Protein backbone atom coordinates (compact mmCIF):
# COMPACT_ATOMS: atom_id res chain seq x y z
CA MET A 1 9.75 3.53 10.33
CA LEU A 2 13.32 3.79 9.03
CA GLU A 3 13.69 7.29 10.45
CA ALA A 4 12.91 5.98 13.96
CA LEU A 5 15.64 3.33 13.74
CA SER A 6 19.41 3.49 13.62
CA GLY A 7 22.40 1.20 13.29
CA VAL A 8 21.91 -2.49 12.61
CA ALA A 9 18.15 -2.26 13.34
CA ARG A 10 17.70 0.25 10.51
CA THR A 11 19.89 -1.81 8.20
CA ALA A 12 18.00 -5.03 9.00
CA VAL A 13 14.57 -3.51 8.36
CA ALA A 14 15.71 -1.82 5.13
CA LEU A 15 17.50 -4.93 3.87
CA MET A 16 14.52 -7.21 4.47
CA PHE A 17 11.98 -4.76 3.08
CA PHE A 18 13.74 -3.51 -0.04
CA CYS A 19 15.17 -6.92 -1.05
CA GLY A 20 12.25 -9.05 0.19
CA LEU A 21 14.55 -11.20 2.31
CA ARG A 22 13.45 -13.83 4.77
CA PRO A 23 15.03 -13.33 8.22
CA GLY A 24 17.43 -16.26 7.78
CA GLU A 25 18.54 -14.96 4.38
CA ALA A 26 19.17 -11.49 5.83
CA ARG A 27 21.32 -12.96 8.60
CA ALA A 28 23.41 -14.91 6.08
CA VAL A 29 24.07 -12.07 3.61
CA ARG A 30 27.73 -11.09 3.49
CA TRP A 31 29.44 -7.95 2.28
CA GLU A 32 31.01 -9.97 -0.54
CA ASP A 33 27.45 -10.66 -1.82
CA TYR A 34 26.87 -6.92 -2.32
CA ASP A 35 28.50 -5.01 -5.20
CA GLY A 36 26.89 -1.60 -4.66
CA LYS A 37 24.02 -2.26 -7.09
CA THR A 38 22.94 -5.86 -6.52
CA LEU A 39 22.77 -8.36 -3.67
CA LYS A 40 23.28 -12.09 -4.18
CA ILE A 41 21.12 -14.29 -1.99
CA ARG A 42 22.97 -17.58 -1.66
CA GLN A 43 22.44 -18.84 1.88
CA SER A 44 20.18 -18.77 4.89
CA MET A 45 21.13 -18.94 8.55
CA TRP A 46 19.27 -20.71 11.33
CA ARG A 47 20.83 -20.05 14.72
CA SER A 48 24.52 -20.44 13.79
CA HIS A 49 24.03 -22.95 10.96
CA LEU A 50 24.32 -21.91 7.32
CA THR A 51 21.90 -23.65 4.95
CA ASP A 52 20.56 -23.23 1.46
CA PRO A 53 17.67 -20.76 1.11
CA LYS A 54 14.13 -22.12 1.42
CA THR A 55 13.66 -22.97 -2.27
CA PRO A 56 15.89 -23.14 -5.37
CA GLU A 57 14.11 -20.00 -6.68
CA SER A 58 15.23 -18.16 -3.55
CA VAL A 59 18.84 -18.27 -4.73
CA ALA A 60 18.92 -15.11 -6.81
CA THR A 61 20.39 -11.67 -7.35
CA GLN A 62 18.28 -8.74 -6.18
CA VAL A 63 18.59 -5.18 -7.44
CA VAL A 64 19.37 -2.82 -4.56
CA PRO A 65 17.39 0.46 -4.59
CA GLU A 66 19.32 3.69 -3.91
CA ILE A 67 17.78 4.18 -0.47
CA LEU A 68 19.09 0.78 0.63
CA ALA A 69 22.48 1.42 -0.99
CA ASP A 70 22.73 4.64 1.05
CA ILE A 71 21.87 2.80 4.27
CA LEU A 72 24.39 0.07 3.50
CA SER A 73 27.10 2.65 2.79
CA GLU A 74 26.57 4.02 6.33
CA SER A 75 26.70 0.55 7.92
CA ARG A 76 29.74 -0.63 9.80
CA ARG A 77 31.72 -3.46 8.26
CA GLN A 78 32.72 -5.22 11.44
CA SER A 79 32.79 -8.71 9.98
CA GLY A 80 31.94 -10.52 6.76
CA TYR A 81 28.21 -10.41 7.54
CA ILE A 82 26.14 -7.31 6.81
CA LEU A 83 23.95 -7.70 9.91
CA THR A 84 26.25 -8.11 12.89
CA SER A 85 26.05 -7.73 16.64
CA PRO A 86 28.50 -5.45 18.48
CA LEU A 87 30.70 -8.54 18.89
CA GLY A 88 30.94 -8.98 15.09
CA LYS A 89 28.76 -12.11 15.00
CA PRO A 90 25.58 -12.48 12.92
CA VAL A 91 22.84 -10.55 14.67
CA ASP A 92 20.12 -12.36 16.63
CA LEU A 93 16.99 -10.94 15.00
CA TYR A 94 14.69 -11.90 17.88
CA ASN A 95 16.83 -9.89 20.31
CA LEU A 96 17.13 -7.04 17.82
CA ALA A 97 13.34 -6.87 17.42
CA THR A 98 12.50 -7.09 21.14
CA ARG A 99 15.32 -4.92 22.48
CA THR A 100 15.66 -2.31 19.74
CA VAL A 101 13.02 -2.24 16.99
CA ALA A 102 9.79 -2.60 19.00
CA PRO A 103 10.83 -0.09 21.71
CA ALA A 104 11.97 2.45 19.09
CA LEU A 105 8.56 2.23 17.39
CA ALA A 106 6.63 2.56 20.67
CA ARG A 107 7.36 6.28 20.74
CA CYS A 108 5.64 9.44 19.55
CA ALA A 109 6.26 10.19 15.88
CA SER A 110 6.68 13.92 16.60
CA CYS A 111 8.86 14.08 19.71
CA ARG A 112 10.11 10.45 20.02
CA LYS A 113 9.02 10.23 23.68
CA GLU A 114 7.51 7.05 25.10
CA LYS A 115 3.76 7.20 25.73
CA ALA A 116 4.23 7.01 29.52
CA GLU A 117 6.51 10.07 29.52
CA HIS A 118 4.59 11.98 26.84
CA ASP A 119 3.35 15.11 28.56
CA THR A 120 3.87 17.55 25.74
CA PRO A 121 0.89 19.95 25.63
CA ASP A 122 1.63 21.18 22.10
CA HIS A 123 0.69 17.90 20.38
CA PRO A 124 -1.08 14.61 21.12
CA PHE A 125 0.78 11.30 21.21
CA GLU A 126 1.15 10.26 17.56
CA PRO A 127 2.16 6.60 17.35
CA LEU A 128 4.68 5.29 14.87
CA PRO A 129 3.76 2.15 12.91
CA ARG A 130 3.37 -0.83 15.26
CA TRP A 131 6.04 -3.53 14.95
CA ARG A 132 4.53 -6.67 13.40
CA GLY A 133 7.65 -8.73 12.83
CA PHE A 134 10.21 -9.18 10.10
CA TYR A 135 7.89 -11.20 7.82
CA ALA A 136 5.53 -8.23 7.77
CA LEU A 137 8.24 -6.44 5.77
CA ARG A 138 7.97 -9.10 3.03
CA ARG A 139 4.18 -8.85 3.07
CA GLY A 140 4.42 -5.06 2.90
CA LEU A 141 6.78 -5.25 -0.06
CA ALA A 142 4.46 -7.70 -1.84
CA THR A 143 1.39 -5.56 -1.22
CA LEU A 144 3.11 -2.34 -2.29
CA THR A 145 4.66 -3.92 -5.39
CA SER A 146 1.40 -5.48 -6.53
CA SER A 147 -0.44 -2.17 -6.10
CA LEU A 148 2.26 -0.24 -8.02
CA ASP A 149 2.94 -2.92 -10.62
CA THR A 150 1.63 -6.51 -10.72
CA PRO A 151 1.48 -9.61 -8.52
CA LEU A 152 4.02 -11.13 -10.91
CA ALA A 153 6.49 -8.36 -10.02
CA ALA A 154 5.87 -9.07 -6.32
CA LYS A 155 6.47 -12.78 -6.95
CA SER A 156 9.80 -11.97 -8.59
CA LEU A 157 10.95 -9.71 -5.74
CA LEU A 158 10.02 -12.32 -3.13
CA ARG A 159 11.60 -15.06 -5.27
CA HIS A 160 8.58 -17.35 -5.08
CA ALA A 161 8.26 -20.31 -7.43
CA ASN A 162 4.56 -19.68 -7.92
CA VAL A 163 2.58 -16.42 -8.04
CA ALA A 164 -0.27 -18.18 -6.20
CA THR A 165 1.87 -18.28 -3.05
CA THR A 166 2.49 -14.55 -3.33
CA ASN A 167 -1.21 -13.82 -3.86
CA GLN A 168 -2.50 -16.13 -1.14
CA PHE A 169 -0.07 -15.44 1.69
CA TYR A 170 1.72 -12.15 1.03
CA ILE A 171 -0.41 -9.62 -0.82
CA LYS A 172 -2.83 -8.02 1.61
CA SER A 173 -5.97 -6.19 0.64
CA VAL A 174 -5.60 -2.42 0.70
CA SER A 175 -8.74 -0.31 1.09
CA ASP A 176 -7.71 2.11 -1.70
CA ASP A 177 -7.39 -0.86 -4.05
CA ALA A 178 -10.85 -2.06 -3.08
CA ILE A 179 -12.35 1.40 -3.61
CA ARG A 180 -10.69 1.72 -7.02
CA ALA A 181 -11.91 -1.77 -7.99
CA VAL A 182 -15.51 -1.01 -7.01
CA SER A 183 -15.35 2.24 -8.96
CA LYS A 184 -14.17 0.38 -12.07
CA ILE A 185 -16.89 -2.26 -11.62
CA ASN A 186 -19.50 0.50 -11.36
CA GLU A 187 -18.19 2.12 -14.54
CA LEU A 188 -18.23 -1.21 -16.35
CA PHE A 189 -21.82 -1.94 -15.38
CA GLN A 190 -22.95 1.61 -16.15
CA LYS A 191 -21.43 1.34 -19.63
CA SER A 192 -23.07 -2.04 -20.25
CA ALA A 193 -26.45 -0.78 -18.98
CA ASN A 194 -26.28 2.23 -21.29
CA ALA A 195 -25.20 0.20 -24.29
CA VAL A 196 -27.79 -0.20 -27.00
CA PRO A 197 -28.40 -3.85 -27.96
CA ASN A 198 -27.78 -4.75 -31.64
């Protein structure tokens, strides 16, 4: 997905995915909150109003992975905010998604042509991931983190007060996880069936 995007759209998607930011938090993040290795989440922005983040636990410092640091180093510093419009104001994420992100992802993964103009005989139209909104980035981060580590790690990245919130609303079932779980259950029951009673 990141390879199909450029400019502020790429920065917005990377920032929200790798730091688990809510859209309002991403809009409010300033360059002064970023030191090259960490990002301080201190505020949220709704329309043009700055507010506190959703919960007290949301005020935190996030570690910035190298891939995001590289993207941020390429970003323009037009104003104090990291995500800015061409006019230097905080970006309108709805407009960014509808005018830039969704159209960029509605193209062929191989040749980047739109489906309507895709007449390349050497390969079929291969869709990029479908745009599902900025909150899908948080859910994706939670699901990936819990499959690579634990739900508690996902809770920490999303800055939730309670791991139950992360489990119930953010971590999505992944078929590979289900297959692995069933395999482990089968092994467990096969071992117990083969065990000799005392």
